[in-house]
Structures are given as structure tokens and as C-alpha cells.
Amino acid sequence: MYWIIILTLGVDQLFKYLVRNFMDYGQSISIINGFFQLTSHRNTGAAWGIFAGQKIFLISFAIIVIVIGLIYCRKVTDKLTRIAFGFFIGGAVGNVVDRLFFGEVTDMFEITFINYPIFNTADVFLVCGVILFFISTYKEKIRE
């Protein structure tokens, strides 16, 4: 699990570094015309901008969730659950790093065919972790 956290954090911070250093704020690069683009954006809040400007609250909440996840995962032996927590914790740490060092989170993925908030790699890993956790929980229920 720890190597997944480190890998996830590394990938997340690399993408954010590239966006911060090689794109102007607000600049968009079309990847799939009319569907998906890279857009340099910053967010001082959480998803959909909720809790905007509440840096201390967001960092504190994330650290609590990370610690609880690490404590819980030490007791877990299921491989899929440990991978899920690795993705989730790595994503959470990625966004905490941004808030600590930059005061905001760097976002870059924009789905243009729907009105959806711009998000980042840490968010992708967080969501993948949650989905894998639900799958592992469902598989466990089937085995019972």
C-alpha cells in the first residue's frame, strides 16, 4: 500500500508541476475536441469550490482522514482494499501538499461536453480508491 501512496503522490505532483510551470493560468489545450481538454486552473476549496478559502479546515480534515485510513489499512489483509486505500490516501496527500505549499490546489482536467468542475490527478486517484473500496467490500459480502 505504501508504494501505491508514494507512486500516486509522485504522479499527481508531476502533473501539477507541469501545469503550473508550462501553462499560463486559464490556458486550455484541447485533447479531444469538444470533449476533453487540459486547463490550467486553481481551486482554494474542495470539490465544486465548496469551502473556498478554508485552507486550514481542508488541510485538517484531510489529515484526519489520512491518519484514520492509515490506521484502518494496517489491519486489512485484502489486497484490493489495500490498493484502494493506497490510491485514496495518495490522492488526499497530493491535495494537502498543494494546499500547504501553494495555498490552493492545481486542477487541469476539464470535460467540456458537460458542465463539470475542472479536477486533477489526485481527485482521479481519490475516486478510483473509493470505487475499488466499494468493489472489494462487495466482493467480501459475496464471499460471506
C-alpha atoms as a PDB file:
ATOM      1  CA  MET A   1       0.000   0.000   0.000  1.00  0.00           C
ATOM      2  CA  TYR A   2       2.773   2.462   0.861  1.00  0.00           C
ATOM      3  CA  TRP A   3       4.382   2.174  -2.564  1.00  0.00           C
ATOM      4  CA  ILE A   4       0.989   2.994  -4.122  1.00  0.00           C
ATOM      5  CA  ILE A   5       0.721   6.107  -1.944  1.00  0.00           C
ATOM      6  CA  ILE A   6       4.199   7.237  -2.992  1.00  0.00           C
ATOM      7  CA  LEU A   7       3.591   6.470  -6.683  1.00  0.00           C
ATOM      8  CA  THR A   8       0.209   8.205  -6.629  1.00  0.00           C
ATOM      9  CA  LEU A   9       1.667  11.267  -4.922  1.00  0.00           C
ATOM     10  CA  GLY A  10       4.551  11.371  -7.413  1.00  0.00           C
ATOM     11  CA  VAL A  11       2.301  11.168 -10.480  1.00  0.00           C
ATOM     12  CA  ASP A  12      -0.034  13.788  -9.029  1.00  0.00           C
ATOM     13  CA  GLN A  13       2.720  16.249  -8.188  1.00  0.00           C
ATOM     14  CA  LEU A  14       4.398  15.740 -11.594  1.00  0.00           C
ATOM     15  CA  PHE A  15       1.188  16.618 -13.470  1.00  0.00           C
ATOM     16  CA  LYS A  16       0.589  19.638 -11.246  1.00  0.00           C
ATOM     17  CA  TYR A  17       4.202  20.797 -11.633  1.00  0.00           C
ATOM     18  CA  LEU A  18       3.923  20.602 -15.419  1.00  0.00           C
ATOM     19  CA  VAL A  19       0.678  22.582 -15.438  1.00  0.00           C
ATOM     20  CA  ARG A  20       1.970  25.258 -13.036  1.00  0.00           C
ATOM     21  CA  ASN A  21       5.253  25.679 -14.907  1.00  0.00           C
ATOM     22  CA  PHE A  22       4.392  25.175 -18.571  1.00  0.00           C
ATOM     23  CA  MET A  23       0.870  26.545 -18.890  1.00  0.00           C
ATOM     24  CA  ASP A  24      -0.463  30.021 -18.228  1.00  0.00           C
ATOM     25  CA  TYR A  25      -3.303  30.259 -15.724  1.00  0.00           C
ATOM     26  CA  GLY A  26      -6.551  29.804 -17.632  1.00  0.00           C
ATOM     27  CA  GLN A  27      -4.816  28.372 -20.706  1.00  0.00           C
ATOM     28  CA  SER A  28      -6.554  25.393 -22.310  1.00  0.00           C
ATOM     29  CA  ILE A  29      -5.163  22.723 -24.599  1.00  0.00           C
ATOM     30  CA  SER A  30      -7.698  20.637 -26.496  1.00  0.00           C
ATOM     31  CA  ILE A  31      -7.054  16.897 -26.194  1.00  0.00           C
ATOM     32  CA  ILE A  32     -10.300  15.572 -27.682  1.00  0.00           C
ATOM     33  CA  ASN A  33     -12.123  18.394 -29.443  1.00  0.00           C
ATOM     34  CA  GLY A  34     -15.480  19.155 -27.853  1.00  0.00           C
ATOM     35  CA  PHE A  35     -14.980  16.534 -25.142  1.00  0.00           C
ATOM     36  CA  PHE A  36     -11.800  16.910 -23.070  1.00  0.00           C
ATOM     37  CA  GLN A  37      -9.069  19.492 -22.567  1.00  0.00           C
ATOM     38  CA  LEU A  38      -6.265  20.410 -20.217  1.00  0.00           C
ATOM     39  CA  THR A  39      -6.984  23.716 -18.500  1.00  0.00           C
ATOM     40  CA  SER A  40      -4.685  25.407 -16.002  1.00  0.00           C
ATOM     41  CA  HIS A  41      -6.917  26.224 -13.032  1.00  0.00           C
ATOM     42  CA  ARG A  42      -6.538  26.767  -9.274  1.00  0.00           C
ATOM     43  CA  ASN A  43      -9.044  25.963  -6.545  1.00  0.00           C
ATOM     44  CA  THR A  44      -8.910  27.246  -2.959  1.00  0.00           C
ATOM     45  CA  GLY A  45     -11.806  24.998  -1.969  1.00  0.00           C
ATOM     46  CA  ALA A  46     -12.792  21.365  -2.256  1.00  0.00           C
ATOM     47  CA  ALA A  47     -14.904  19.739  -4.988  1.00  0.00           C
ATOM     48  CA  TRP A  48     -17.078  22.243  -6.849  1.00  0.00           C
ATOM     49  CA  GLY A  49     -15.322  25.010  -4.908  1.00  0.00           C
ATOM     50  CA  ILE A  50     -17.111  24.272  -1.634  1.00  0.00           C
ATOM     51  CA  PHE A  51     -15.276  25.555   1.439  1.00  0.00           C
ATOM     52  CA  ALA A  52     -13.374  28.013  -0.785  1.00  0.00           C
ATOM     53  CA  GLY A  53     -10.722  29.819   1.204  1.00  0.00           C
ATOM     54  CA  GLN A  54     -10.981  27.399   4.135  1.00  0.00           C
ATOM     55  CA  LYS A  55      -7.404  26.126   3.811  1.00  0.00           C
ATOM     56  CA  ILE A  56      -6.859  25.221   7.489  1.00  0.00           C
ATOM     57  CA  PHE A  57     -10.159  23.360   7.686  1.00  0.00           C
ATOM     58  CA  LEU A  58      -9.497  21.428   4.458  1.00  0.00           C
ATOM     59  CA  ILE A  59      -5.942  20.508   5.486  1.00  0.00           C
ATOM     60  CA  SER A  60      -7.045  19.456   8.989  1.00  0.00           C
ATOM     61  CA  PHE A  61      -9.939  17.382   7.676  1.00  0.00           C
ATOM     62  CA  ALA A  62      -7.730  15.674   5.089  1.00  0.00           C
ATOM     63  CA  ILE A  63      -5.033  14.858   7.645  1.00  0.00           C
ATOM     64  CA  ILE A  64      -7.625  13.287   9.948  1.00  0.00           C
ATOM     65  CA  VAL A  65      -8.972  11.179   7.074  1.00  0.00           C
ATOM     66  CA  ILE A  66      -5.437  10.165   6.031  1.00  0.00           C
ATOM     67  CA  VAL A  67      -4.500   9.095   9.574  1.00  0.00           C
ATOM     68  CA  ILE A  68      -7.735   7.117  10.004  1.00  0.00           C
ATOM     69  CA  GLY A  69      -7.124   5.473   6.616  1.00  0.00           C
ATOM     70  CA  LEU A  70      -3.568   4.515   7.552  1.00  0.00           C
ATOM     71  CA  ILE A  71      -4.677   3.081  10.912  1.00  0.00           C
ATOM     72  CA  TYR A  72      -7.516   1.107   9.329  1.00  0.00           C
ATOM     73  CA  CYS A  73      -5.371  -0.184   6.492  1.00  0.00           C
ATOM     74  CA  ARG A  74      -2.761  -1.630   8.860  1.00  0.00           C
ATOM     75  CA  LYS A  75      -5.389  -4.184   9.897  1.00  0.00           C
ATOM     76  CA  VAL A  76      -6.545  -5.022   6.367  1.00  0.00           C
ATOM     77  CA  THR A  77      -5.154  -8.063   4.582  1.00  0.00           C
ATOM     78  CA  ASP A  78      -7.285  -7.927   1.418  1.00  0.00           C
ATOM     79  CA  LYS A  79      -5.054  -6.824  -1.453  1.00  0.00           C
ATOM     80  CA  LEU A  80      -7.734  -4.908  -3.364  1.00  0.00           C
ATOM     81  CA  THR A  81      -8.735  -2.984  -0.233  1.00  0.00           C
ATOM     82  CA  ARG A  82      -5.117  -2.053   0.435  1.00  0.00           C
ATOM     83  CA  ILE A  83      -4.721  -0.848  -3.171  1.00  0.00           C
ATOM     84  CA  ALA A  84      -7.939   1.163  -2.806  1.00  0.00           C
ATOM     85  CA  PHE A  85      -6.645   2.838   0.343  1.00  0.00           C
ATOM     86  CA  GLY A  86      -3.284   3.476  -1.315  1.00  0.00           C
ATOM     87  CA  PHE A  87      -4.995   5.398  -4.131  1.00  0.00           C
ATOM     88  CA  PHE A  88      -7.308   7.241  -1.753  1.00  0.00           C
ATOM     89  CA  ILE A  89      -4.596   8.245   0.706  1.00  0.00           C
ATOM     90  CA  GLY A  90      -2.151   9.159  -2.067  1.00  0.00           C
ATOM     91  CA  GLY A  91      -4.753  11.419  -3.664  1.00  0.00           C
ATOM     92  CA  ALA A  92      -5.595  13.048  -0.351  1.00  0.00           C
ATOM     93  CA  VAL A  93      -1.914  13.668   0.390  1.00  0.00           C
ATOM     94  CA  GLY A  94      -1.450  15.161  -3.096  1.00  0.00           C
ATOM     95  CA  ASN A  95      -4.100  17.799  -2.491  1.00  0.00           C
ATOM     96  CA  VAL A  96      -2.798  18.504   1.032  1.00  0.00           C
ATOM     97  CA  VAL A  97       0.685  19.109  -0.401  1.00  0.00           C
ATOM     98  CA  ASP A  98      -0.782  21.672  -2.814  1.00  0.00           C
ATOM     99  CA  ARG A  99      -2.678  23.464  -0.053  1.00  0.00           C
ATOM    100  CA  LEU A 100       0.364  23.524   2.232  1.00  0.00           C
ATOM    101  CA  PHE A 101       2.865  24.773  -0.352  1.00  0.00           C
ATOM    102  CA  PHE A 102       0.689  26.855  -2.690  1.00  0.00           C
ATOM    103  CA  GLY A 103      -2.415  27.710  -0.672  1.00  0.00           C
ATOM    104  CA  GLU A 104      -4.573  26.236  -3.437  1.00  0.00           C
ATOM    105  CA  VAL A 105      -4.967  23.063  -5.460  1.00  0.00           C
ATOM    106  CA  THR A 106      -3.846  22.919  -9.090  1.00  0.00           C
ATOM    107  CA  ASP A 107      -6.531  21.469 -11.355  1.00  0.00           C
ATOM    108  CA  MET A 108      -6.160  20.590 -15.016  1.00  0.00           C
ATOM    109  CA  PHE A 109      -8.670  18.100 -16.410  1.00  0.00           C
ATOM    110  CA  GLU A 110     -11.744  19.646 -17.990  1.00  0.00           C
ATOM    111  CA  ILE A 111     -14.580  17.657 -19.502  1.00  0.00           C
ATOM    112  CA  THR A 112     -16.095  20.105 -21.959  1.00  0.00           C
ATOM    113  CA  PHE A 113     -19.192  18.300 -23.226  1.00  0.00           C
ATOM    114  CA  ILE A 114     -20.842  18.666 -19.808  1.00  0.00           C
ATOM    115  CA  ASN A 115     -20.626  21.406 -17.219  1.00  0.00           C
ATOM    116  CA  TYR A 116     -18.344  19.587 -14.770  1.00  0.00           C
ATOM    117  CA  PRO A 117     -15.747  21.186 -12.477  1.00  0.00           C
ATOM    118  CA  ILE A 118     -12.105  21.063 -13.521  1.00  0.00           C
ATOM    119  CA  PHE A 119     -10.278  18.415 -11.478  1.00  0.00           C
ATOM    120  CA  ASN A 120      -6.780  16.959 -11.036  1.00  0.00           C
ATOM    121  CA  THR A 121      -4.893  13.684 -10.825  1.00  0.00           C
ATOM    122  CA  ALA A 122      -5.272  13.490  -7.034  1.00  0.00           C
ATOM    123  CA  ASP A 123      -9.046  13.684  -7.492  1.00  0.00           C
ATOM    124  CA  VAL A 124      -8.882  10.853 -10.029  1.00  0.00           C
ATOM    125  CA  PHE A 125      -6.918   8.690  -7.584  1.00  0.00           C
ATOM    126  CA  LEU A 126      -9.333   9.538  -4.747  1.00  0.00           C
ATOM    127  CA  VAL A 127     -12.332   8.467  -6.823  1.00  0.00           C
ATOM    128  CA  CYS A 128     -10.578   5.305  -8.058  1.00  0.00           C
ATOM    129  CA  GLY A 129      -9.750   4.443  -4.444  1.00  0.00           C
ATOM    130  CA  VAL A 130     -13.379   4.826  -3.393  1.00  0.00           C
ATOM    131  CA  ILE A 131     -14.613   2.743  -6.338  1.00  0.00           C
ATOM    132  CA  LEU A 132     -12.077  -0.031  -5.618  1.00  0.00           C
ATOM    133  CA  PHE A 133     -13.074   0.024  -1.948  1.00  0.00           C
ATOM    134  CA  PHE A 134     -16.743  -0.467  -2.883  1.00  0.00           C
ATOM    135  CA  ILE A 135     -15.781  -3.312  -5.219  1.00  0.00           C
ATOM    136  CA  SER A 136     -13.679  -5.000  -2.526  1.00  0.00           C
ATOM    137  CA  THR A 137     -16.477  -4.581   0.008  1.00  0.00           C
ATOM    138  CA  TYR A 138     -19.000  -6.043  -2.432  1.00  0.00           C
ATOM    139  CA  LYS A 139     -16.702  -8.999  -3.183  1.00  0.00           C
ATOM    140  CA  GLU A 140     -16.343  -9.630   0.553  1.00  0.00           C
ATOM    141  CA  LYS A 141     -20.113  -9.624   1.013  1.00  0.00           C
ATOM    142  CA  ILE A 142     -20.485 -12.175  -1.802  1.00  0.00           C
ATOM    143  CA  ARG A 143     -17.970 -14.489  -0.087  1.00  0.00           C
ATOM    144  CA  GLU A 144     -19.973 -14.464   3.170  1.00  0.00           C
END
